[in-house]
């Protein structure tokens, strides 16, 4: 697994597609209203939205990812890093931010590579 993270609109998906010679049809975009992940796609993007869907339903997203870790092997997983900036006042947003961090930490430990993208430039962290 390759974990790619960075701020919103920093070129994470474009970086993944160009670096790994993929096209948009290889990508599954998570939805903040759905706790479903299409593991058949090579790239799973916007995973922080999956985390939000889980938080809204009171489901532990990290446990869901742990239960499906074998399905993530060989995949490229993309997260927006939502850990920066002012801590949200809203309880759900704080829980989302915390759970996203826990999920990123877990997947980062499991990943063969971790890449931070800033201004469209990938920097290998692991």
N, C-alpha and C. Protein backbone atom coordinates (compact mmCIF):
# COMPACT_ATOMS: atom_id res chain seq x y z
N UNK A 1 0.84 -1.18 0.00
CA UNK A 1 0.00 0.00 0.00
C UNK A 1 0.88 1.24 0.00
N UNK A 2 0.39 2.25 -0.69
CA UNK A 2 1.04 3.56 -0.70
C UNK A 2 0.05 4.55 -0.12
N UNK A 3 0.46 5.29 0.89
CA UNK A 3 -0.38 6.32 1.51
C UNK A 3 0.11 7.68 1.03
N UNK A 4 -0.80 8.45 0.44
CA UNK A 4 -0.48 9.80 -0.01
C UNK A 4 -1.37 10.76 0.77
N UNK A 5 -0.76 11.77 1.36
CA UNK A 5 -1.53 12.75 2.12
C UNK A 5 -1.02 14.15 1.85
N UNK A 6 -1.83 15.11 2.20
CA UNK A 6 -1.47 16.52 2.04
C UNK A 6 -2.72 17.36 2.20
N UNK A 7 -2.55 18.65 2.15
CA UNK A 7 -3.67 19.56 2.30
C UNK A 7 -4.63 19.47 1.13
N UNK A 8 -5.79 20.08 1.32
CA UNK A 8 -6.80 20.12 0.25
C UNK A 8 -6.25 20.87 -0.96
N UNK A 9 -6.55 20.37 -2.12
CA UNK A 9 -6.19 21.01 -3.39
C UNK A 9 -4.68 21.18 -3.57
N UNK A 10 -3.92 20.23 -3.08
CA UNK A 10 -2.46 20.28 -3.22
C UNK A 10 -1.95 19.38 -4.33
N UNK A 11 -2.85 18.70 -5.05
CA UNK A 11 -2.43 17.89 -6.19
C UNK A 11 -2.13 16.44 -5.87
N UNK A 12 -2.71 15.92 -4.81
CA UNK A 12 -2.45 14.54 -4.40
C UNK A 12 -2.89 13.53 -5.46
N UNK A 13 -4.12 13.68 -5.93
CA UNK A 13 -4.63 12.73 -6.92
C UNK A 13 -3.86 12.84 -8.23
N UNK A 14 -3.62 14.05 -8.68
CA UNK A 14 -2.86 14.26 -9.91
C UNK A 14 -1.46 13.65 -9.79
N UNK A 15 -0.86 13.82 -8.62
CA UNK A 15 0.46 13.24 -8.36
C UNK A 15 0.39 11.72 -8.49
N UNK A 16 -0.60 11.11 -7.86
CA UNK A 16 -0.74 9.65 -7.90
C UNK A 16 -0.97 9.16 -9.33
N UNK A 17 -1.86 9.82 -10.05
CA UNK A 17 -2.17 9.38 -11.41
C UNK A 17 -0.95 9.48 -12.31
N UNK A 18 -0.22 10.58 -12.23
CA UNK A 18 0.93 10.74 -13.13
C UNK A 18 2.11 9.87 -12.70
N UNK A 19 2.36 9.77 -11.41
CA UNK A 19 3.51 9.00 -10.93
C UNK A 19 3.34 7.51 -11.19
N UNK A 20 2.13 7.01 -11.01
CA UNK A 20 1.89 5.57 -11.12
C UNK A 20 1.18 5.19 -12.43
N UNK A 21 1.14 6.13 -13.38
CA UNK A 21 0.60 5.88 -14.73
C UNK A 21 -0.82 5.30 -14.68
N UNK A 22 -1.69 6.00 -13.96
CA UNK A 22 -3.08 5.57 -13.81
C UNK A 22 -4.00 6.61 -14.44
N UNK A 23 -5.27 6.24 -14.56
CA UNK A 23 -6.28 7.15 -15.11
C UNK A 23 -7.45 7.24 -14.12
N UNK A 24 -8.32 8.19 -14.36
CA UNK A 24 -9.43 8.46 -13.44
C UNK A 24 -10.31 7.22 -13.20
N UNK A 25 -10.47 6.36 -14.18
CA UNK A 25 -11.31 5.17 -13.97
C UNK A 25 -10.70 4.19 -12.97
N UNK A 26 -9.42 4.38 -12.62
CA UNK A 26 -8.76 3.55 -11.61
C UNK A 26 -9.04 4.04 -10.19
N UNK A 27 -9.80 5.13 -10.07
CA UNK A 27 -9.97 5.82 -8.78
C UNK A 27 -11.38 5.63 -8.23
N UNK A 28 -11.45 5.30 -6.94
CA UNK A 28 -12.71 5.34 -6.21
C UNK A 28 -12.66 6.55 -5.28
N UNK A 29 -13.66 7.42 -5.37
CA UNK A 29 -13.75 8.60 -4.51
C UNK A 29 -14.72 8.30 -3.37
N UNK A 30 -14.23 8.34 -2.14
CA UNK A 30 -15.10 8.13 -0.99
C UNK A 30 -16.08 9.29 -0.87
N UNK A 31 -17.20 9.00 -0.22
CA UNK A 31 -18.30 9.96 -0.08
C UNK A 31 -18.58 10.14 1.40
N UNK A 32 -18.79 11.38 1.83
CA UNK A 32 -19.02 11.62 3.26
C UNK A 32 -20.39 11.16 3.75
N UNK A 33 -21.19 10.63 2.85
CA UNK A 33 -22.51 10.10 3.22
C UNK A 33 -22.53 8.57 3.18
N UNK A 34 -21.42 7.94 2.80
CA UNK A 34 -21.43 6.49 2.61
C UNK A 34 -20.23 5.83 3.30
N UNK A 35 -20.50 4.72 3.95
CA UNK A 35 -19.43 3.97 4.60
C UNK A 35 -18.96 2.81 3.73
N UNK A 36 -19.12 2.97 2.43
CA UNK A 36 -18.73 1.94 1.46
C UNK A 36 -17.41 2.34 0.81
N UNK A 37 -16.52 1.37 0.64
CA UNK A 37 -15.27 1.57 -0.11
C UNK A 37 -15.23 0.52 -1.21
N UNK A 38 -14.96 0.95 -2.42
CA UNK A 38 -14.82 0.02 -3.54
C UNK A 38 -13.36 -0.42 -3.60
N UNK A 39 -13.09 -1.59 -3.05
CA UNK A 39 -11.72 -2.10 -3.00
C UNK A 39 -11.24 -2.64 -4.34
N UNK A 40 -12.11 -2.65 -5.35
CA UNK A 40 -11.71 -3.12 -6.67
C UNK A 40 -10.86 -2.10 -7.42
N UNK A 41 -10.92 -0.84 -7.01
CA UNK A 41 -10.16 0.22 -7.68
C UNK A 41 -8.73 0.25 -7.16
N UNK A 42 -7.82 0.71 -7.98
CA UNK A 42 -6.40 0.80 -7.61
C UNK A 42 -6.15 1.94 -6.63
N UNK A 43 -6.91 3.04 -6.79
CA UNK A 43 -6.73 4.22 -5.93
C UNK A 43 -8.01 4.45 -5.13
N UNK A 44 -7.85 4.65 -3.84
CA UNK A 44 -8.97 5.01 -2.98
C UNK A 44 -8.68 6.42 -2.48
N UNK A 45 -9.44 7.38 -3.02
CA UNK A 45 -9.20 8.79 -2.73
C UNK A 45 -10.25 9.32 -1.75
N UNK A 46 -9.90 10.42 -1.10
CA UNK A 46 -10.82 11.12 -0.19
C UNK A 46 -11.23 10.24 0.98
N UNK A 47 -10.30 9.46 1.50
CA UNK A 47 -10.64 8.53 2.57
C UNK A 47 -11.12 9.25 3.83
N UNK A 48 -10.73 10.51 3.99
CA UNK A 48 -11.22 11.28 5.14
C UNK A 48 -12.75 11.42 5.09
N UNK A 49 -13.34 11.37 3.91
CA UNK A 49 -14.81 11.44 3.79
C UNK A 49 -15.46 10.15 4.28
N UNK A 50 -14.83 9.02 4.02
CA UNK A 50 -15.29 7.75 4.57
C UNK A 50 -15.26 7.82 6.10
N UNK A 51 -14.17 8.38 6.64
CA UNK A 51 -14.04 8.51 8.10
C UNK A 51 -15.19 9.35 8.65
N UNK A 52 -15.52 10.46 7.99
CA UNK A 52 -16.62 11.31 8.45
C UNK A 52 -17.94 10.55 8.43
N UNK A 53 -18.20 9.79 7.39
CA UNK A 53 -19.43 9.00 7.33
C UNK A 53 -19.51 8.04 8.51
N UNK A 54 -18.39 7.42 8.85
CA UNK A 54 -18.35 6.50 9.99
C UNK A 54 -18.60 7.24 11.30
N UNK A 55 -17.92 8.37 11.49
CA UNK A 55 -18.09 9.16 12.72
C UNK A 55 -19.56 9.56 12.89
N UNK A 56 -20.19 9.99 11.83
CA UNK A 56 -21.60 10.39 11.91
C UNK A 56 -22.51 9.25 12.36
N UNK A 57 -22.11 8.02 12.03
CA UNK A 57 -22.91 6.84 12.39
C UNK A 57 -22.43 6.16 13.67
N UNK A 58 -21.40 6.73 14.31
CA UNK A 58 -20.88 6.15 15.55
C UNK A 58 -20.07 4.88 15.33
N UNK A 59 -19.51 4.73 14.15
CA UNK A 59 -18.71 3.55 13.81
C UNK A 59 -17.24 3.91 13.83
N UNK A 60 -16.41 3.02 14.35
CA UNK A 60 -14.98 3.24 14.44
C UNK A 60 -14.34 2.96 13.08
N UNK A 61 -13.97 4.01 12.37
CA UNK A 61 -13.40 3.86 11.02
C UNK A 61 -12.08 3.11 11.04
N UNK A 62 -11.28 3.31 12.08
CA UNK A 62 -9.99 2.62 12.15
C UNK A 62 -10.21 1.11 12.22
N UNK A 63 -11.18 0.68 13.00
CA UNK A 63 -11.48 -0.75 13.07
C UNK A 63 -11.94 -1.28 11.73
N UNK A 64 -12.72 -0.50 11.00
CA UNK A 64 -13.16 -0.92 9.65
C UNK A 64 -11.95 -1.11 8.74
N UNK A 65 -11.00 -0.18 8.82
CA UNK A 65 -9.80 -0.29 8.00
C UNK A 65 -8.94 -1.48 8.43
N UNK A 66 -8.84 -1.69 9.73
CA UNK A 66 -8.08 -2.85 10.23
C UNK A 66 -8.70 -4.15 9.73
N UNK A 67 -10.03 -4.22 9.75
CA UNK A 67 -10.74 -5.42 9.29
C UNK A 67 -10.55 -5.67 7.80
N UNK A 68 -10.23 -4.62 7.05
CA UNK A 68 -10.10 -4.73 5.59
C UNK A 68 -8.68 -4.47 5.10
N UNK A 69 -7.70 -4.57 5.98
CA UNK A 69 -6.33 -4.19 5.61
C UNK A 69 -5.81 -5.03 4.45
N UNK A 70 -6.17 -6.29 4.37
CA UNK A 70 -5.68 -7.12 3.26
C UNK A 70 -6.21 -6.62 1.91
N UNK A 71 -7.41 -6.06 1.92
CA UNK A 71 -7.98 -5.51 0.69
C UNK A 71 -7.28 -4.23 0.25
N UNK A 72 -6.56 -3.61 1.18
CA UNK A 72 -5.84 -2.37 0.87
C UNK A 72 -4.41 -2.62 0.39
N UNK A 73 -3.93 -3.84 0.52
CA UNK A 73 -2.58 -4.16 0.06
C UNK A 73 -2.50 -3.92 -1.44
N UNK A 74 -1.46 -3.26 -1.89
CA UNK A 74 -1.28 -2.97 -3.30
C UNK A 74 -2.06 -1.76 -3.80
N UNK A 75 -2.79 -1.10 -2.91
CA UNK A 75 -3.61 0.06 -3.29
C UNK A 75 -2.85 1.35 -3.00
N UNK A 76 -3.35 2.43 -3.60
CA UNK A 76 -2.90 3.78 -3.28
C UNK A 76 -4.05 4.43 -2.54
N UNK A 77 -3.78 4.88 -1.32
CA UNK A 77 -4.80 5.48 -0.47
C UNK A 77 -4.46 6.96 -0.31
N UNK A 78 -5.46 7.82 -0.53
CA UNK A 78 -5.23 9.26 -0.48
C UNK A 78 -6.13 9.90 0.58
N UNK A 79 -5.50 10.69 1.44
CA UNK A 79 -6.19 11.44 2.49
C UNK A 79 -5.92 12.93 2.35
N UNK A 80 -6.92 13.76 2.61
CA UNK A 80 -6.66 15.16 2.90
C UNK A 80 -6.20 15.21 4.35
N UNK A 81 -5.14 15.93 4.64
CA UNK A 81 -4.66 16.11 6.01
C UNK A 81 -5.52 17.20 6.64
N UNK A 82 -6.42 16.80 7.52
CA UNK A 82 -7.31 17.77 8.17
C UNK A 82 -6.85 18.07 9.59
N UNK A 83 -5.62 17.70 9.93
CA UNK A 83 -5.13 17.86 11.30
C UNK A 83 -4.56 19.24 11.59
N UNK A 84 -4.39 20.05 10.57
CA UNK A 84 -3.77 21.36 10.75
C UNK A 84 -4.82 22.43 11.07
N UNK A 85 -4.38 23.52 11.65
CA UNK A 85 -5.26 24.65 11.87
C UNK A 85 -5.96 24.63 13.21
N UNK A 86 -6.99 25.45 13.31
CA UNK A 86 -7.73 25.64 14.55
C UNK A 86 -8.57 24.39 14.84
N UNK A 87 -8.55 23.98 16.10
CA UNK A 87 -9.36 22.83 16.52
C UNK A 87 -10.84 23.23 16.41
N UNK A 88 -11.64 22.42 15.74
CA UNK A 88 -13.06 22.76 15.55
C UNK A 88 -13.83 22.82 16.87
N UNK A 89 -14.81 23.70 16.92
CA UNK A 89 -15.69 23.81 18.08
C UNK A 89 -16.69 22.66 18.08
N UNK A 90 -17.17 22.30 16.90
CA UNK A 90 -18.19 21.26 16.75
C UNK A 90 -17.64 19.89 17.18
N UNK A 91 -18.39 19.21 18.03
CA UNK A 91 -17.97 17.92 18.58
C UNK A 91 -17.74 16.87 17.48
N UNK A 92 -18.64 16.82 16.50
CA UNK A 92 -18.50 15.85 15.40
C UNK A 92 -17.25 16.13 14.58
N UNK A 93 -16.99 17.40 14.31
CA UNK A 93 -15.79 17.75 13.54
C UNK A 93 -14.52 17.42 14.30
N UNK A 94 -14.53 17.60 15.62
CA UNK A 94 -13.35 17.22 16.42
C UNK A 94 -13.15 15.70 16.39
N UNK A 95 -14.25 14.96 16.53
CA UNK A 95 -14.16 13.49 16.48
C UNK A 95 -13.66 13.04 15.11
N UNK A 96 -14.13 13.68 14.05
CA UNK A 96 -13.69 13.37 12.68
C UNK A 96 -12.20 13.60 12.54
N UNK A 97 -11.75 14.74 13.01
CA UNK A 97 -10.33 15.09 12.92
C UNK A 97 -9.46 14.09 13.68
N UNK A 98 -9.90 13.73 14.88
CA UNK A 98 -9.15 12.76 15.68
C UNK A 98 -9.12 11.39 15.01
N UNK A 99 -10.29 10.91 14.55
CA UNK A 99 -10.34 9.59 13.93
C UNK A 99 -9.57 9.56 12.62
N UNK A 100 -9.60 10.65 11.86
CA UNK A 100 -8.81 10.71 10.63
C UNK A 100 -7.33 10.58 10.95
N UNK A 101 -6.88 11.25 11.99
CA UNK A 101 -5.48 11.12 12.41
C UNK A 101 -5.13 9.70 12.82
N UNK A 102 -6.03 9.06 13.54
CA UNK A 102 -5.78 7.67 13.96
C UNK A 102 -5.72 6.73 12.75
N UNK A 103 -6.61 6.95 11.79
CA UNK A 103 -6.61 6.13 10.57
C UNK A 103 -5.35 6.36 9.75
N UNK A 104 -4.95 7.61 9.61
CA UNK A 104 -3.73 7.91 8.85
C UNK A 104 -2.51 7.30 9.53
N UNK A 105 -2.46 7.36 10.86
CA UNK A 105 -1.34 6.78 11.60
C UNK A 105 -1.28 5.27 11.37
N UNK A 106 -2.43 4.61 11.50
CA UNK A 106 -2.47 3.16 11.29
C UNK A 106 -2.06 2.79 9.88
N UNK A 107 -2.64 3.45 8.89
CA UNK A 107 -2.31 3.11 7.50
C UNK A 107 -0.87 3.48 7.17
N UNK A 108 -0.37 4.56 7.75
CA UNK A 108 1.03 4.92 7.55
C UNK A 108 1.97 3.84 8.06
N UNK A 109 1.61 3.24 9.18
CA UNK A 109 2.43 2.14 9.73
C UNK A 109 2.36 0.91 8.84
N UNK A 110 1.22 0.67 8.23
CA UNK A 110 1.04 -0.51 7.38
C UNK A 110 1.60 -0.33 5.97
N UNK A 111 1.72 0.92 5.54
CA UNK A 111 2.11 1.22 4.15
C UNK A 111 3.58 0.93 3.88
N UNK A 112 3.85 0.53 2.64
CA UNK A 112 5.24 0.38 2.20
C UNK A 112 5.86 1.75 1.94
N UNK A 113 5.02 2.68 1.46
CA UNK A 113 5.47 4.05 1.19
C UNK A 113 4.46 5.03 1.73
N UNK A 114 4.96 6.16 2.25
CA UNK A 114 4.11 7.28 2.66
C UNK A 114 4.67 8.52 1.99
N UNK A 115 3.79 9.24 1.29
CA UNK A 115 4.22 10.41 0.52
C UNK A 115 3.36 11.60 0.90
N UNK A 116 4.01 12.71 1.23
CA UNK A 116 3.29 13.97 1.48
C UNK A 116 3.38 14.81 0.21
N UNK A 117 2.24 15.31 -0.25
CA UNK A 117 2.21 16.15 -1.45
C UNK A 117 1.88 17.57 -1.04
N UNK A 118 2.72 18.49 -1.47
CA UNK A 118 2.52 19.92 -1.22
C UNK A 118 2.83 20.65 -2.52
N UNK A 119 1.92 21.47 -2.98
CA UNK A 119 2.08 22.20 -4.25
C UNK A 119 2.36 21.24 -5.41
N UNK A 120 1.75 20.06 -5.36
CA UNK A 120 1.90 19.10 -6.44
C UNK A 120 3.19 18.30 -6.43
N UNK A 121 4.03 18.56 -5.44
CA UNK A 121 5.34 17.88 -5.35
C UNK A 121 5.28 16.85 -4.24
N UNK A 122 5.62 15.61 -4.58
CA UNK A 122 5.62 14.54 -3.60
C UNK A 122 6.94 14.46 -2.85
N UNK A 123 6.84 14.31 -1.54
CA UNK A 123 8.02 14.15 -0.69
C UNK A 123 7.86 12.83 0.07
N UNK A 124 8.72 11.89 -0.21
CA UNK A 124 8.62 10.57 0.42
C UNK A 124 8.99 10.68 1.90
N UNK A 125 8.04 10.28 2.74
CA UNK A 125 8.22 10.31 4.19
C UNK A 125 8.71 8.95 4.68
N UNK A 126 8.21 7.92 4.04
CA UNK A 126 8.59 6.54 4.41
C UNK A 126 8.80 5.74 3.15
